[in-house]
Amino acid sequence: MKVIETPAATATILSERIVLVRARSGVELSGEQSSQGDKLIEDSMPGSYGQIIDRAEDYSIMPIEVFQVLNANPKLKALAIVVHRNSSRVNAEIDRHFFQRPLEVFTSVEEARNWLEQIL
């Protein structure tokens, strides 16, 4: 298992097809930060993959910028967002409108991983 650390987030490669990303508490993810992290992840994945975004911490994103980066990555085939609070679920449902590939919302990393394994 490989771990990629950036000032904004931690990405853990769970398998050659699934990566788990957790943003750090209090950060505001911009398109530039997302682009840097996305490049590190993409370079670590041998082929197409799915990403789990675990929203355990409180942070904010610039959705148009961040999803522009994610949509531009041809290797990223699906997103699974894990939420721990109702407010996070509302935001994740809004995120669906920005992502151009499959995106589902879950309440556990295990559920998210199982879904990704089925669709990838």
PDB file of N, CA and C in Angstrom:
ATOM      1  N   MET A   1       0.846  -1.170   0.000  1.00  0.00           N
ATOM      2  CA  MET A   1       0.000   0.000   0.000  1.00  0.00           C
ATOM      3  C   MET A   1       0.898   1.241   0.000  1.00  0.00           C
ATOM      4  N   LYS A   2       0.663   2.109  -0.968  1.00  0.00           N
ATOM      5  CA  LYS A   2       1.449   3.331  -1.097  1.00  0.00           C
ATOM      6  C   LYS A   2       0.635   4.516  -0.576  1.00  0.00           C
ATOM      7  N   VAL A   3       1.304   5.433   0.146  1.00  0.00           N
ATOM      8  CA  VAL A   3       0.656   6.634   0.666  1.00  0.00           C
ATOM      9  C   VAL A   3       1.329   7.852   0.045  1.00  0.00           C
ATOM     10  N   ILE A   4       0.511   8.762  -0.473  1.00  0.00           N
ATOM     11  CA  ILE A   4       0.985  10.007  -1.069  1.00  0.00           C
ATOM     12  C   ILE A   4       0.529  11.145  -0.165  1.00  0.00           C
ATOM     13  N   GLU A   5       1.478  11.921   0.342  1.00  0.00           N
ATOM     14  CA  GLU A   5       1.171  13.039   1.239  1.00  0.00           C
ATOM     15  C   GLU A   5       1.369  14.365   0.508  1.00  0.00           C
ATOM     16  N   THR A   6       0.406  15.260   0.635  1.00  0.00           N
ATOM     17  CA  THR A   6       0.560  16.634   0.160  1.00  0.00           C
ATOM     18  C   THR A   6       0.130  17.540   1.322  1.00  0.00           C
ATOM     19  N   PRO A   7       0.410  18.835   1.229  1.00  0.00           N
ATOM     20  CA  PRO A   7      -0.048  19.724   2.307  1.00  0.00           C
ATOM     21  C   PRO A   7      -1.570  19.733   2.478  1.00  0.00           C
ATOM     22  N   ALA A   8      -2.311  19.423   1.418  1.00  0.00           N
ATOM     23  CA  ALA A   8      -3.770  19.505   1.474  1.00  0.00           C
ATOM     24  C   ALA A   8      -4.462  18.176   1.762  1.00  0.00           C
ATOM     25  N   ALA A   9      -3.815  17.048   1.412  1.00  0.00           N
ATOM     26  CA  ALA A   9      -4.516  15.767   1.513  1.00  0.00           C
ATOM     27  C   ALA A   9      -3.544  14.590   1.575  1.00  0.00           C
ATOM     28  N   THR A  10      -4.122  13.443   1.911  1.00  0.00           N
ATOM     29  CA  THR A  10      -3.397  12.182   1.889  1.00  0.00           C
ATOM     30  C   THR A  10      -4.137  11.241   0.953  1.00  0.00           C
ATOM     31  N   ALA A  11      -3.395  10.593   0.069  1.00  0.00           N
ATOM     32  CA  ALA A  11      -3.977   9.601  -0.832  1.00  0.00           C
ATOM     33  C   ALA A  11      -3.333   8.255  -0.528  1.00  0.00           C
ATOM     34  N   THR A  12      -4.166   7.241  -0.345  1.00  0.00           N
ATOM     35  CA  THR A  12      -3.687   5.893  -0.072  1.00  0.00           C
ATOM     36  C   THR A  12      -4.105   4.998  -1.221  1.00  0.00           C
ATOM     37  N   ILE A  13      -3.134   4.383  -1.875  1.00  0.00           N
ATOM     38  CA  ILE A  13      -3.410   3.467  -2.967  1.00  0.00           C
ATOM     39  C   ILE A  13      -3.843   2.146  -2.334  1.00  0.00           C
ATOM     40  N   LEU A  14      -5.122   1.797  -2.456  1.00  0.00           N
ATOM     41  CA  LEU A  14      -5.655   0.587  -1.845  1.00  0.00           C
ATOM     42  C   LEU A  14      -5.436  -0.648  -2.721  1.00  0.00           C
ATOM     43  N   SER A  15      -5.414  -0.436  -4.030  1.00  0.00           N
ATOM     44  CA  SER A  15      -5.174  -1.511  -4.996  1.00  0.00           C
ATOM     45  C   SER A  15      -4.740  -0.849  -6.294  1.00  0.00           C
ATOM     46  N   GLU A  16      -4.469  -1.632  -7.308  1.00  0.00           N
ATOM     47  CA  GLU A  16      -4.051  -1.001  -8.568  1.00  0.00           C
ATOM     48  C   GLU A  16      -5.211  -0.331  -9.295  1.00  0.00           C
ATOM     49  N   ARG A  17      -6.425  -0.422  -8.723  1.00  0.00           N
ATOM     50  CA  ARG A  17      -7.590   0.214  -9.348  1.00  0.00           C
ATOM     51  C   ARG A  17      -8.359   1.162  -8.431  1.00  0.00           C
ATOM     52  N   ILE A  18      -7.936   1.279  -7.155  1.00  0.00           N
ATOM     53  CA  ILE A  18      -8.694   2.116  -6.215  1.00  0.00           C
ATOM     54  C   ILE A  18      -7.750   2.927  -5.335  1.00  0.00           C
ATOM     55  N   VAL A  19      -8.056   4.228  -5.226  1.00  0.00           N
ATOM     56  CA  VAL A  19      -7.290   5.126  -4.357  1.00  0.00           C
ATOM     57  C   VAL A  19      -8.253   5.818  -3.398  1.00  0.00           C
ATOM     58  N   LEU A  20      -7.827   5.978  -2.150  1.00  0.00           N
ATOM     59  CA  LEU A  20      -8.610   6.639  -1.104  1.00  0.00           C
ATOM     60  C   LEU A  20      -7.970   7.986  -0.807  1.00  0.00           C
ATOM     61  N   VAL A  21      -8.760   9.067  -0.881  1.00  0.00           N
ATOM     62  CA  VAL A  21      -8.244  10.415  -0.648  1.00  0.00           C
ATOM     63  C   VAL A  21      -8.961  11.030   0.550  1.00  0.00           C
ATOM     64  N   ARG A  22      -8.159  11.599   1.459  1.00  0.00           N
ATOM     65  CA  ARG A  22      -8.697  12.303   2.621  1.00  0.00           C
ATOM     66  C   ARG A  22      -8.042  13.682   2.690  1.00  0.00           C
ATOM     67  N   ALA A  23      -8.857  14.726   2.575  1.00  0.00           N
ATOM     68  CA  ALA A  23      -8.335  16.089   2.705  1.00  0.00           C
ATOM     69  C   ALA A  23      -8.081  16.386   4.173  1.00  0.00           C
ATOM     70  N   ARG A  24      -7.149  17.282   4.413  1.00  0.00           N
ATOM     71  CA  ARG A  24      -6.832  17.679   5.781  1.00  0.00           C
ATOM     72  C   ARG A  24      -7.865  18.685   6.289  1.00  0.00           C
ATOM     73  N   SER A  25      -8.100  18.651   7.571  1.00  0.00           N
ATOM     74  CA  SER A  25      -9.073  19.542   8.199  1.00  0.00           C
ATOM     75  C   SER A  25      -8.685  21.006   7.984  1.00  0.00           C
ATOM     76  N   GLY A  26      -9.692  21.806   7.630  1.00  0.00           N
ATOM     77  CA  GLY A  26      -9.497  23.244   7.506  1.00  0.00           C
ATOM     78  C   GLY A  26      -8.956  23.733   6.179  1.00  0.00           C
ATOM     79  N   VAL A  27      -8.579  22.842   5.268  1.00  0.00           N
ATOM     80  CA  VAL A  27      -8.037  23.306   3.987  1.00  0.00           C
ATOM     81  C   VAL A  27      -9.164  23.732   3.054  1.00  0.00           C
ATOM     82  N   GLU A  28      -8.808  24.555   2.091  1.00  0.00           N
ATOM     83  CA  GLU A  28      -9.705  24.892   0.998  1.00  0.00           C
ATOM     84  C   GLU A  28      -9.026  24.397  -0.273  1.00  0.00           C
ATOM     85  N   LEU A  29      -9.596  23.373  -0.883  1.00  0.00           N
ATOM     86  CA  LEU A  29      -8.987  22.761  -2.059  1.00  0.00           C
ATOM     87  C   LEU A  29      -9.280  23.582  -3.305  1.00  0.00           C
ATOM     88  N   SER A  30      -8.230  24.047  -3.927  1.00  0.00           N
ATOM     89  CA  SER A  30      -8.342  24.812  -5.163  1.00  0.00           C
ATOM     90  C   SER A  30      -8.066  23.899  -6.349  1.00  0.00           C
ATOM     91  N   GLY A  31      -8.251  24.417  -7.520  1.00  0.00           N
ATOM     92  CA  GLY A  31      -7.941  23.666  -8.723  1.00  0.00           C
ATOM     93  C   GLY A  31      -6.464  23.342  -8.818  1.00  0.00           C
ATOM     94  N   GLU A  32      -5.618  24.284  -8.407  1.00  0.00           N
ATOM     95  CA  GLU A  32      -4.168  24.064  -8.464  1.00  0.00           C
ATOM     96  C   GLU A  32      -3.744  22.936  -7.526  1.00  0.00           C
ATOM     97  N   GLN A  33      -4.256  22.949  -6.291  1.00  0.00           N
ATOM     98  CA  GLN A  33      -3.927  21.874  -5.350  1.00  0.00           C
ATOM     99  C   GLN A  33      -4.458  20.543  -5.856  1.00  0.00           C
ATOM    100  N   SER A  34      -5.654  20.561  -6.398  1.00  0.00           N
ATOM    101  CA  SER A  34      -6.253  19.343  -6.929  1.00  0.00           C
ATOM    102  C   SER A  34      -5.438  18.801  -8.099  1.00  0.00           C
ATOM    103  N   SER A  35      -4.976  19.684  -8.941  1.00  0.00           N
ATOM    104  CA  SER A  35      -4.170  19.281 -10.090  1.00  0.00           C
ATOM    105  C   SER A  35      -2.857  18.625  -9.657  1.00  0.00           C
ATOM    106  N   GLN A  36      -2.211  19.202  -8.660  1.00  0.00           N
ATOM    107  CA  GLN A  36      -0.954  18.628  -8.156  1.00  0.00           C
ATOM    108  C   GLN A  36      -1.185  17.240  -7.569  1.00  0.00           C
ATOM    109  N   GLY A  37      -2.196  17.096  -6.730  1.00  0.00           N
ATOM    110  CA  GLY A  37      -2.511  15.803  -6.124  1.00  0.00           C
ATOM    111  C   GLY A  37      -2.954  14.792  -7.155  1.00  0.00           C
ATOM    112  N   ASP A  38      -3.783  15.239  -8.106  1.00  0.00           N
ATOM    113  CA  ASP A  38      -4.277  14.345  -9.155  1.00  0.00           C
ATOM    114  C   ASP A  38      -3.129  13.794  -9.986  1.00  0.00           C
ATOM    115  N   LYS A  39      -2.151  14.617 -10.287  1.00  0.00           N
ATOM    116  CA  LYS A  39      -0.988  14.172 -11.075  1.00  0.00           C
ATOM    117  C   LYS A  39      -0.196  13.111 -10.303  1.00  0.00           C
ATOM    118  N   LEU A  40       0.016  13.324  -9.011  1.00  0.00           N
ATOM    119  CA  LEU A  40       0.741  12.336  -8.203  1.00  0.00           C
ATOM    120  C   LEU A  40      -0.004  11.003  -8.168  1.00  0.00           C
ATOM    121  N   ILE A  41      -1.329  11.061  -8.022  1.00  0.00           N
ATOM    122  CA  ILE A  41      -2.130   9.833  -8.003  1.00  0.00           C
ATOM    123  C   ILE A  41      -2.094   9.156  -9.365  1.00  0.00           C
ATOM    124  N   GLU A  42      -2.349   9.923 -10.410  1.00  0.00           N
ATOM    125  CA  GLU A  42      -2.371   9.364 -11.765  1.00  0.00           C
ATOM    126  C   GLU A  42      -1.061   8.663 -12.093  1.00  0.00           C
ATOM    127  N   ASP A  43       0.059   9.263 -11.704  1.00  0.00           N
ATOM    128  CA  ASP A  43       1.373   8.667 -11.972  1.00  0.00           C
ATOM    129  C   ASP A  43       1.587   7.374 -11.185  1.00  0.00           C
ATOM    130  N   SER A  44       0.855   7.186 -10.093  1.00  0.00           N
ATOM    131  CA  SER A  44       0.996   5.995  -9.248  1.00  0.00           C
ATOM    132  C   SER A  44       0.083   4.848  -9.660  1.00  0.00           C
ATOM    133  N   MET A  45      -0.893   5.139 -10.504  1.00  0.00           N
ATOM    134  CA  MET A  45      -1.864   4.123 -10.901  1.00  0.00           C
ATOM    135  C   MET A  45      -1.487   3.579 -12.276  1.00  0.00           C
ATOM    136  N   PRO A  46      -1.399   2.242 -12.425  1.00  0.00           N
ATOM    137  CA  PRO A  46      -0.948   1.663 -13.689  1.00  0.00           C
ATOM    138  C   PRO A  46      -1.945   1.793 -14.836  1.00  0.00           C
ATOM    139  N   GLY A  47      -3.219   1.871 -14.539  1.00  0.00           N
ATOM    140  CA  GLY A  47      -4.245   1.980 -15.573  1.00  0.00           C
ATOM    141  C   GLY A  47      -5.397   2.813 -15.071  1.00  0.00           C
ATOM    142  N   SER A  48      -6.596   2.550 -15.600  1.00  0.00           N
ATOM    143  CA  SER A  48      -7.769   3.290 -15.146  1.00  0.00           C
ATOM    144  C   SER A  48      -8.084   2.906 -13.707  1.00  0.00           C
ATOM    145  N   TYR A  49      -8.751   3.834 -12.993  1.00  0.00           N
ATOM    146  CA  TYR A  49      -8.997   3.610 -11.577  1.00  0.00           C
ATOM    147  C   TYR A  49     -10.211   4.404 -11.104  1.00  0.00           C
ATOM    148  N   GLY A  50     -10.646   4.065  -9.889  1.00  0.00           N
ATOM    149  CA  GLY A  50     -11.699   4.790  -9.211  1.00  0.00           C
ATOM    150  C   GLY A  50     -11.137   5.430  -7.955  1.00  0.00           C
ATOM    151  N   GLN A  51     -11.777   6.483  -7.519  1.00  0.00           N
ATOM    152  CA  GLN A  51     -11.293   7.217  -6.351  1.00  0.00           C
ATOM    153  C   GLN A  51     -12.383   7.314  -5.297  1.00  0.00           C
ATOM    154  N   ILE A  52     -11.995   7.036  -4.054  1.00  0.00           N
ATOM    155  CA  ILE A  52     -12.873   7.237  -2.910  1.00  0.00           C
ATOM    156  C   ILE A  52     -12.442   8.535  -2.244  1.00  0.00           C
ATOM    157  N   ILE A  53     -13.377   9.449  -2.068  1.00  0.00           N
ATOM    158  CA  ILE A  53     -13.110  10.686  -1.348  1.00  0.00           C
ATOM    159  C   ILE A  53     -13.799  10.563   0.005  1.00  0.00           C
ATOM    160  N   ASP A  54     -13.013  10.468   1.065  1.00  0.00           N
ATOM    161  CA  ASP A  54     -13.551  10.327   2.418  1.00  0.00           C
ATOM    162  C   ASP A  54     -13.642  11.709   3.051  1.00  0.00           C
ATOM    163  N   ARG A  55     -14.847  12.179   3.251  1.00  0.00           N
ATOM    164  CA  ARG A  55     -15.070  13.521   3.799  1.00  0.00           C
ATOM    165  C   ARG A  55     -15.223  13.487   5.317  1.00  0.00           C
ATOM    166  N   ALA A  56     -14.292  12.830   5.972  1.00  0.00           N
ATOM    167  CA  ALA A  56     -14.322  12.734   7.436  1.00  0.00           C
ATOM    168  C   ALA A  56     -13.989  14.065   8.090  1.00  0.00           C
ATOM    169  N   GLU A  57     -13.126  14.855   7.471  1.00  0.00           N
ATOM    170  CA  GLU A  57     -12.687  16.141   8.033  1.00  0.00           C
ATOM    171  C   GLU A  57     -13.527  17.280   7.467  1.00  0.00           C
ATOM    172  N   ASP A  58     -13.510  18.409   8.151  1.00  0.00           N
ATOM    173  CA  ASP A  58     -14.175  19.613   7.655  1.00  0.00           C
ATOM    174  C   ASP A  58     -13.196  20.385   6.778  1.00  0.00           C
ATOM    175  N   TYR A  59     -13.544  20.545   5.534  1.00  0.00           N
ATOM    176  CA  TYR A  59     -12.740  21.300   4.580  1.00  0.00           C
ATOM    177  C   TYR A  59     -13.675  21.814   3.502  1.00  0.00           C
ATOM    178  N   SER A  60     -13.179  22.679   2.650  1.00  0.00           N
ATOM    179  CA  SER A  60     -14.012  23.188   1.570  1.00  0.00           C
ATOM    180  C   SER A  60     -13.281  23.020   0.248  1.00  0.00           C
ATOM    181  N   ILE A  61     -14.073  23.021  -0.823  1.00  0.00           N
ATOM    182  CA  ILE A  61     -13.476  22.910  -2.154  1.00  0.00           C
ATOM    183  C   ILE A  61     -14.048  24.001  -3.045  1.00  0.00           C
ATOM    184  N   MET A  62     -13.298  24.313  -4.067  1.00  0.00           N
ATOM    185  CA  MET A  62     -13.790  25.181  -5.134  1.00  0.00           C
ATOM    186  C   MET A  62     -14.297  24.205  -6.207  1.00  0.00           C
ATOM    187  N   PRO A  63     -15.586  23.848  -6.166  1.00  0.00           N
ATOM    188  CA  PRO A  63     -16.077  22.718  -6.949  1.00  0.00           C
ATOM    189  C   PRO A  63     -15.851  22.819  -8.455  1.00  0.00           C
ATOM    190  N   ILE A  64     -16.058  23.968  -9.030  1.00  0.00           N
ATOM    191  CA  ILE A  64     -15.876  24.079 -10.483  1.00  0.00           C
ATOM    192  C   ILE A  64     -14.429  23.787 -10.849  1.00  0.00           C
ATOM    193  N   GLU A  65     -13.484  24.360 -10.118  1.00  0.00           N
ATOM    194  CA  GLU A  65     -12.060  24.130 -10.392  1.00  0.00           C
ATOM    195  C   GLU A  65     -11.662  22.680 -10.143  1.00  0.00           C
ATOM    196  N   VAL A  66     -12.054  22.145  -8.997  1.00  0.00           N
ATOM    197  CA  VAL A  66     -11.646  20.787  -8.632  1.00  0.00           C
ATOM    198  C   VAL A  66     -12.235  19.761  -9.596  1.00  0.00           C
ATOM    199  N   PHE A  67     -13.513  19.885  -9.921  1.00  0.00           N
ATOM    200  CA  PHE A  67     -14.123  18.904 -10.811  1.00  0.00           C
ATOM    201  C   PHE A  67     -13.658  19.075 -12.259  1.00  0.00           C
ATOM    202  N   GLN A  68     -13.211  20.249 -12.618  1.00  0.00           N
ATOM    203  CA  GLN A  68     -12.608  20.429 -13.939  1.00  0.00           C
ATOM    204  C   GLN A  68     -11.343  19.577 -14.044  1.00  0.00           C
ATOM    205  N   VAL A  69     -10.543  19.557 -12.982  1.00  0.00           N
ATOM    206  CA  VAL A  69      -9.332  18.733 -12.937  1.00  0.00           C
ATOM    207  C   VAL A  69      -9.703  17.253 -13.000  1.00  0.00           C
ATOM    208  N   LEU A  70     -10.647  16.833 -12.176  1.00  0.00           N
ATOM    209  CA  LEU A  70     -11.041  15.421 -12.142  1.00  0.00           C
ATOM    210  C   LEU A  70     -11.628  14.962 -13.474  1.00  0.00           C
ATOM    211  N   ASN A  71     -12.459  15.777 -14.091  1.00  0.00           N
ATOM    212  CA  ASN A  71     -13.052  15.423 -15.384  1.00  0.00           C
ATOM    213  C   ASN A  71     -12.022  15.329 -16.499  1.00  0.00           C
ATOM    214  N   ALA A  72     -10.929  16.063 -16.375  1.00  0.00           N
ATOM    215  CA  ALA A  72      -9.888  16.058 -17.412  1.00  0.00           C
ATOM    216  C   ALA A  72      -8.980  14.826 -17.329  1.00  0.00           C
ATOM    217  N   ASN A  73      -9.064  14.058 -16.247  1.00  0.00           N
ATOM    218  CA  ASN A  73      -8.211  12.893 -16.061  1.00  0.00           C
ATOM    219  C   ASN A  73      -8.851  11.681 -16.736  1.00  0.00           C
ATOM    220  N   PRO A  74      -8.299  11.223 -17.862  1.00  0.00           N
ATOM    221  CA  PRO A  74      -8.922  10.110 -18.585  1.00  0.00           C
ATOM    222  C   PRO A  74      -8.824   8.768 -17.853  1.00  0.00           C
ATOM    223  N   LYS A  75      -7.898   8.642 -16.912  1.00  0.00           N
ATOM    224  CA  LYS A  75      -7.748   7.384 -16.178  1.00  0.00           C
ATOM    225  C   LYS A  75      -8.753   7.251 -15.032  1.00  0.00           C
ATOM    226  N   LEU A  76      -9.314   8.362 -14.557  1.00  0.00           N
ATOM    227  CA  LEU A  76     -10.271   8.343 -13.458  1.00  0.00           C
ATOM    228  C   LEU A  76     -11.658   8.002 -14.008  1.00  0.00           C
ATOM    229  N   LYS A  77     -12.164   6.829 -13.639  1.00  0.00           N
ATOM    230  CA  LYS A  77     -13.412   6.326 -14.219  1.00  0.00           C
ATOM    231  C   LYS A  77     -14.642   6.511 -13.345  1.00  0.00           C
ATOM    232  N   ALA A  78     -14.459   6.679 -12.022  1.00  0.00           N
ATOM    233  CA  ALA A  78     -15.609   6.821 -11.124  1.00  0.00           C
ATOM    234  C   ALA A  78     -15.166   7.418  -9.795  1.00  0.00           C
ATOM    235  N   LEU A  79     -16.105   8.081  -9.128  1.00  0.00           N
ATOM    236  CA  LEU A  79     -15.867   8.640  -7.796  1.00  0.00           C
ATOM    237  C   LEU A  79     -16.879   8.069  -6.814  1.00  0.00           C
ATOM    238  N   ALA A  80     -16.389   7.717  -5.644  1.00  0.00           N
ATOM    239  CA  ALA A  80     -17.247   7.321  -4.533  1.00  0.00           C
ATOM    240  C   ALA A  80     -16.953   8.291  -3.399  1.00  0.00           C
ATOM    241  N   ILE A  81     -17.972   8.986  -2.926  1.00  0.00           N
ATOM    242  CA  ILE A  81     -17.787   9.958  -1.857  1.00  0.00           C
ATOM    243  C   ILE A  81     -18.374   9.388  -0.572  1.00  0.00           C
ATOM    244  N   VAL A  82     -17.553   9.365   0.470  1.00  0.00           N
ATOM    245  CA  VAL A  82     -17.988   8.862   1.774  1.00  0.00           C
ATOM    246  C   VAL A  82     -18.284  10.065   2.665  1.00  0.00           C
ATOM    247  N   VAL A  83     -19.502  10.092   3.192  1.00  0.00           N
ATOM    248  CA  VAL A  83     -19.929  11.198   4.051  1.00  0.00           C
ATOM    249  C   VAL A  83     -20.186  10.694   5.471  1.00  0.00           C
ATOM    250  N   HIS A  84     -20.005  11.593   6.421  1.00  0.00           N
ATOM    251  CA  HIS A  84     -20.192  11.256   7.835  1.00  0.00           C
ATOM    252  C   HIS A  84     -21.223  12.149   8.512  1.00  0.00           C
ATOM    253  N   ARG A  85     -21.723  13.158   7.771  1.00  0.00           N
ATOM    254  CA  ARG A  85     -22.710  14.095   8.304  1.00  0.00           C
ATOM    255  C   ARG A  85     -23.730  14.421   7.208  1.00  0.00           C
ATOM    256  N   ASN A  86     -24.923  14.826   7.612  1.00  0.00           N
ATOM    257  CA  ASN A  86     -25.955  15.189   6.638  1.00  0.00           C
ATOM    258  C   ASN A  86     -25.520  16.332   5.735  1.00  0.00           C
ATOM    259  N   SER A  87     -24.837  17.324   6.306  1.00  0.00           N
ATOM    260  CA  SER A  87     -24.390  18.460   5.496  1.00  0.00           C
ATOM    261  C   SER A  87     -23.423  18.001   4.411  1.00  0.00           C
ATOM    262  N   SER A  88     -22.606  17.028   4.710  1.00  0.00           N
ATOM    263  CA  SER A  88     -21.680  16.492   3.708  1.00  0.00           C
ATOM    264  C   SER A  88     -22.442  15.768   2.605  1.00  0.00           C
ATOM    265  N   ARG A  89     -23.525  15.075   2.970  1.00  0.00           N
ATOM    266  CA  ARG A  89     -24.333  14.370   1.967  1.00  0.00           C
ATOM    267  C   ARG A  89     -24.941  15.367   0.983  1.00  0.00           C
ATOM    268  N   VAL A  90     -25.460  16.477   1.500  1.00  0.00           N
ATOM    269  CA  VAL A  90     -26.050  17.498   0.632  1.00  0.00           C
ATOM    270  C   VAL A  90     -25.007  18.000  -0.367  1.00  0.00           C
ATOM    271  N   ASN A  91     -23.808  18.309   0.120  1.00  0.00           N
ATOM    272  CA  ASN A  91     -22.745  18.789  -0.765  1.00  0.00           C
ATOM    273  C   ASN A  91     -22.353  17.725  -1.783  1.00  0.00           C
ATOM    274  N   ALA A  92     -22.281  16.468  -1.359  1.00  0.00           N
ATOM    275  CA  ALA A  92     -21.905  15.384  -2.274  1.00  0.00           C
ATOM    276  C   ALA A  92     -22.951  15.214  -3.370  1.00  0.00           C
ATOM    277  N   GLU A  93     -24.218  15.382  -3.030  1.00  0.00           N
ATOM    278  CA  GLU A  93     -25.267  15.282  -4.048  1.00  0.00           C
ATOM    279  C   GLU A  93     -25.141  16.412  -5.069  1.00  0.00           C
ATOM    280  N   ILE A  94     -24.737  17.584  -4.616  1.00  0.00           N
ATOM    281  CA  ILE A  94     -24.506  18.702  -5.537  1.00  0.00           C
ATOM    282  C   ILE A  94     -23.312  18.396  -6.443  1.00  0.00           C
ATOM    283  N   ASP A  95     -22.284  17.754  -5.879  1.00  0.00           N
ATOM    284  CA  ASP A  95     -21.089  17.411  -6.659  1.00  0.00           C
ATOM    285  C   ASP A  95     -21.412  16.545  -7.862  1.00  0.00           C
ATOM    286  N   ARG A  96     -22.480  15.755  -7.770  1.00  0.00           N
ATOM    287  CA  ARG A  96     -22.904  14.897  -8.890  1.00  0.00           C
ATOM    288  C   ARG A  96     -23.055  15.691 -10.182  1.00  0.00           C
ATOM    289  N   HIS A  97     -23.506  16.935 -10.042  1.00  0.00           N
ATOM    290  CA  HIS A  97     -23.755  17.769 -11.223  1.00  0.00           C
ATOM    291  C   HIS A  97     -22.460  18.233 -11.897  1.00  0.00           C
ATOM    292  N   PHE A  98     -21.352  18.169 -11.184  1.00  0.00           N
ATOM    293  CA  PHE A  98     -20.073  18.627 -11.719  1.00  0.00           C
ATOM    294  C   PHE A  98     -19.241  17.509 -12.331  1.00  0.00           C
ATOM    295  N   PHE A  99     -19.474  16.262 -11.910  1.00  0.00           N
ATOM    296  CA  PHE A  99     -18.646  15.147 -12.367  1.00  0.00           C
ATOM    297  C   PHE A  99     -19.342  14.434 -13.520  1.00  0.00           C
ATOM    298  N   GLN A 100     -18.604  14.164 -14.594  1.00  0.00           N
ATOM    299  CA  GLN A 100     -19.190  13.651 -15.829  1.00  0.00           C
ATOM    300  C   GLN A 100     -19.156  12.128 -15.950  1.00  0.00           C
ATOM    301  N   ARG A 101     -18.798  11.445 -14.873  1.00  0.00           N
ATOM    302  CA  ARG A 101     -18.741   9.982 -14.867  1.00  0.00           C
ATOM    303  C   ARG A 101     -19.521   9.476 -13.654  1.00  0.00           C
ATOM    304  N   PRO A 102     -19.571   8.155 -13.452  1.00  0.00           N
ATOM    305  CA  PRO A 102     -20.316   7.654 -12.293  1.00  0.00           C
ATOM    306  C   PRO A 102     -19.806   8.224 -10.969  1.00  0.00           C
ATOM    307  N   LEU A 103     -20.750   8.645 -10.136  1.00  0.00           N
ATOM    308  CA  LEU A 103     -20.452   9.161  -8.799  1.00  0.00           C
ATOM    309  C   LEU A 103     -21.567   8.686  -7.879  1.00  0.00           C
ATOM    310  N   GLU A 104     -21.183   8.040  -6.783  1.00  0.00           N
ATOM    311  CA  GLU A 104     -22.151   7.591  -5.780  1.00  0.00           C
ATOM    312  C   GLU A 104     -21.705   8.055  -4.404  1.00  0.00           C
ATOM    313  N   VAL A 105     -22.662   8.161  -3.492  1.00  0.00           N
ATOM    314  CA  VAL A 105     -22.407   8.636  -2.136  1.00  0.00           C
ATOM    315  C   VAL A 105     -22.656   7.476  -1.161  1.00  0.00           C
ATOM    316  N   PHE A 106     -21.739   7.310  -0.214  1.00  0.00           N
ATOM    317  CA  PHE A 106     -21.803   6.211   0.747  1.00  0.00           C
ATOM    318  C   PHE A 106     -21.545   6.725   2.159  1.00  0.00           C
ATOM    319  N   THR A 107     -21.799   5.857   3.143  1.00  0.00           N
ATOM    320  CA  THR A 107     -21.540   6.215   4.533  1.00  0.00           C
ATOM    321  C   THR A 107     -20.353   5.460   5.116  1.00  0.00           C
ATOM    322  N   SER A 108     -19.709   4.605   4.311  1.00  0.00           N
ATOM    323  CA  SER A 108     -18.500   3.915   4.777  1.00  0.00           C
ATOM    324  C   SER A 108     -17.541   3.696   3.611  1.00  0.00           C
ATOM    325  N   VAL A 109     -16.263   3.656   3.944  1.00  0.00           N
ATOM    326  CA  VAL A 109     -15.227   3.402   2.932  1.00  0.00           C
ATOM    327  C   VAL A 109     -15.412   2.001   2.344  1.00  0.00           C
ATOM    328  N   GLU A 110     -15.801   1.052   3.167  1.00  0.00           N
ATOM    329  CA  GLU A 110     -15.998  -0.325   2.696  1.00  0.00           C
ATOM    330  C   GLU A 110     -17.090  -0.402   1.627  1.00  0.00           C
ATOM    331  N   GLU A 111     -18.221   0.278   1.863  1.00  0.00           N
ATOM    332  CA  GLU A 111     -19.302   0.310   0.864  1.00  0.00           C
ATOM    333  C   GLU A 111     -18.814   0.955  -0.430  1.00  0.00           C
ATOM    334  N   ALA A 112     -18.074   2.045  -0.298  1.00  0.00           N
ATOM    335  CA  ALA A 112     -17.558   2.752  -1.467  1.00  0.00           C
ATOM    336  C   ALA A 112     -16.607   1.867  -2.258  1.00  0.00           C
ATOM    337  N   ARG A 113     -15.733   1.178  -1.558  1.00  0.00           N
ATOM    338  CA  ARG A 113     -14.764   0.295  -2.225  1.00  0.00           C
ATOM    339  C   ARG A 113     -15.478  -0.853  -2.941  1.00  0.00           C
ATOM    340  N   ASN A 114     -16.466  -1.439  -2.289  1.00  0.00           N
ATOM    341  CA  ASN A 114     -17.221  -2.529  -2.922  1.00  0.00           C
ATOM    342  C   ASN A 114     -17.891  -2.067  -4.205  1.00  0.00           C
ATOM    343  N   TRP A 115     -18.487  -0.874  -4.187  1.00  0.00           N
ATOM    344  CA  TRP A 115     -19.135  -0.334  -5.382  1.00  0.00           C
ATOM    345  C   TRP A 115     -18.126  -0.131  -6.499  1.00  0.00           C
ATOM    346  N   LEU A 116     -16.987   0.480  -6.174  1.00  0.00           N
ATOM    347  CA  LEU A 116     -15.955   0.705  -7.191  1.00  0.00           C
ATOM    348  C   LEU A 116     -15.456  -0.609  -7.783  1.00  0.00           C
ATOM    349  N   GLU A 117     -15.236  -1.603  -6.940  1.00  0.00           N
ATOM    350  CA  GLU A 117     -14.759  -2.899  -7.434  1.00  0.00           C
ATOM    351  C   GLU A 117     -15.755  -3.517  -8.399  1.00  0.00           C
ATOM    352  N   GLN A 118     -17.047  -3.287  -8.183  1.00  0.00           N
ATOM    353  CA  GLN A 118     -18.079  -3.836  -9.067  1.00  0.00           C
ATOM    354  C   GLN A 118     -18.138  -3.131 -10.413  1.00  0.00           C
ATOM    355  N   ILE A 119     -17.944  -1.814 -10.413  1.00  0.00           N
ATOM    356  CA  ILE A 119     -18.137  -1.084 -11.684  1.00  0.00           C
ATOM    357  C   ILE A 119     -16.855  -0.908 -12.497  1.00  0.00           C
ATOM    358  N   LEU A 120     -15.697  -1.095 -11.876  1.00  0.00           N
ATOM    359  CA  LEU A 120     -14.447  -0.896 -12.623  1.00  0.00           C
ATOM    360  C   LEU A 120     -14.099  -2.117 -13.460  1.00  0.00           C
TER     361      LEU A 120
END
